[in-house]
């Protein structure tokens, strides 16, 4: 599947360049009450983005632990940590609107 658009610009930066992306993502968590990601979770996020880019169809993704469908048709997500989820929309084997969502 092809990763075509990102709602979260720091996530796009992370996909394109690991070191710059980690710094960009850290800026998301500088607000009071925000919980950041540990190194292990950055690795999981990198793995999930790579997996999505290489997966042949959505069923491969849905077979992963903690992967699920969103409320709207074509929306999917996977847990990266206890509160952070990678969410996206899928249409015609194109992964769009990639975002990091904080859920308490």
Protein backbone atom coordinates (compact mmCIF):
# COMPACT_ATOMS: atom_id res chain seq x y z
CA UNK A 1 0.00 0.00 0.00
CA UNK A 2 1.22 3.52 -0.66
CA UNK A 3 1.51 6.20 2.05
CA UNK A 4 0.19 9.29 0.26
CA UNK A 5 -0.78 11.96 2.80
CA UNK A 6 -0.17 12.87 6.42
CA UNK A 7 -2.45 14.94 8.66
CA UNK A 8 0.35 15.15 11.22
CA UNK A 9 3.32 16.97 9.67
CA UNK A 10 5.79 15.80 12.37
CA UNK A 11 4.75 12.21 11.54
CA UNK A 12 5.58 12.82 7.86
CA UNK A 13 8.96 14.23 8.89
CA UNK A 14 9.55 11.10 11.02
CA UNK A 15 8.70 8.88 8.03
CA UNK A 16 11.17 10.75 5.83
CA UNK A 17 14.00 11.25 8.36
CA UNK A 18 14.17 9.43 11.68
CA UNK A 19 16.32 11.91 13.66
CA UNK A 20 14.52 15.05 12.46
CA UNK A 21 11.20 13.27 12.90
CA UNK A 22 11.86 12.37 16.52
CA UNK A 23 12.56 16.03 17.27
CA UNK A 24 9.45 17.13 15.37
CA UNK A 25 7.26 14.59 17.18
CA UNK A 26 8.70 15.65 20.54
CA UNK A 27 7.27 19.12 19.87
CA UNK A 28 3.79 17.57 19.98
CA UNK A 29 4.32 16.62 23.61
CA UNK A 30 5.62 19.87 25.01
CA UNK A 31 2.16 21.00 26.10
CA UNK A 32 1.12 20.36 29.68
CA UNK A 33 -0.61 17.03 30.18
CA UNK A 34 0.77 15.46 26.99
CA UNK A 35 2.47 12.09 27.19
CA UNK A 36 5.38 11.43 24.83
CA UNK A 37 6.72 8.24 23.33
CA UNK A 38 9.60 6.15 24.68
CA UNK A 39 12.33 4.89 22.33
CA UNK A 40 10.64 1.49 22.08
CA UNK A 41 7.42 3.17 20.95
CA UNK A 42 9.26 5.23 18.33
CA UNK A 43 10.56 1.92 16.97
CA UNK A 44 7.03 0.50 16.94
CA UNK A 45 5.79 3.58 15.10
CA UNK A 46 8.61 3.24 12.53
CA UNK A 47 7.79 -0.47 12.13
CA UNK A 48 4.07 0.22 11.64
CA UNK A 49 4.70 2.88 8.98
CA UNK A 50 7.04 0.50 7.16
CA UNK A 51 4.55 -2.33 7.47
CA UNK A 52 1.78 -0.20 5.97
CA UNK A 53 4.02 0.83 3.08
CA UNK A 54 4.85 -2.82 2.32
CA UNK A 55 1.51 -4.52 3.05
CA UNK A 56 -0.32 -5.93 0.06
CA UNK A 57 -3.78 -5.36 1.55
CA UNK A 58 -5.60 -4.20 4.67
CA UNK A 59 -6.18 -7.76 5.93
CA UNK A 60 -2.46 -8.09 6.67
CA UNK A 61 -2.73 -4.98 8.85
CA UNK A 62 -5.90 -6.16 10.61
CA UNK A 63 -4.15 -9.41 11.58
CA UNK A 64 -1.75 -7.42 13.80
CA UNK A 65 -2.39 -7.21 17.56
CA UNK A 66 -4.15 -3.97 18.59
CA UNK A 67 -5.12 -3.10 15.00
CA UNK A 68 -8.69 -2.18 14.32
CA UNK A 69 -11.24 -0.41 12.20
CA UNK A 70 -12.37 3.12 12.85
CA UNK A 71 -15.94 4.37 13.14
CA UNK A 72 -16.16 5.53 9.52
CA UNK A 73 -15.71 3.13 6.58
CA UNK A 74 -12.09 3.04 5.45
CA UNK A 75 -10.70 4.33 8.76
CA UNK A 76 -8.22 2.21 10.71
CA UNK A 77 -5.91 2.54 13.71
CA UNK A 78 -3.31 0.70 15.75
CA UNK A 79 -2.07 1.29 19.28
CA UNK A 80 1.48 2.64 19.53
CA UNK A 81 1.34 3.14 23.31
CA UNK A 82 -1.35 3.13 25.97
CA UNK A 83 -2.63 6.52 24.82
CA UNK A 84 -1.19 7.10 21.31
CA UNK A 85 -2.68 5.54 18.19
CA UNK A 86 -1.62 5.69 14.57
CA UNK A 87 -4.76 6.36 12.56
CA UNK A 88 -5.29 6.50 8.80
CA UNK A 89 -7.81 6.21 5.99
CA UNK A 90 -7.52 3.64 3.22
CA UNK A 91 -8.93 4.03 -0.27
CA UNK A 92 -7.84 2.10 -3.36
CA UNK A 93 -4.72 0.74 -1.59
CA UNK A 94 -3.63 4.29 -0.73
CA UNK A 95 -3.02 5.12 2.91
CA UNK A 96 -4.08 8.72 3.52
CA UNK A 97 -4.61 11.08 6.45
CA UNK A 98 -1.97 9.39 8.61
CA UNK A 99 -2.16 10.89 12.08
CA UNK A 100 -1.09 10.34 15.68
CA UNK A 101 -4.11 10.51 17.95
CA UNK A 102 -4.01 10.71 21.73
CA UNK A 103 -6.84 8.81 23.41
CA UNK A 104 -7.32 8.66 27.17
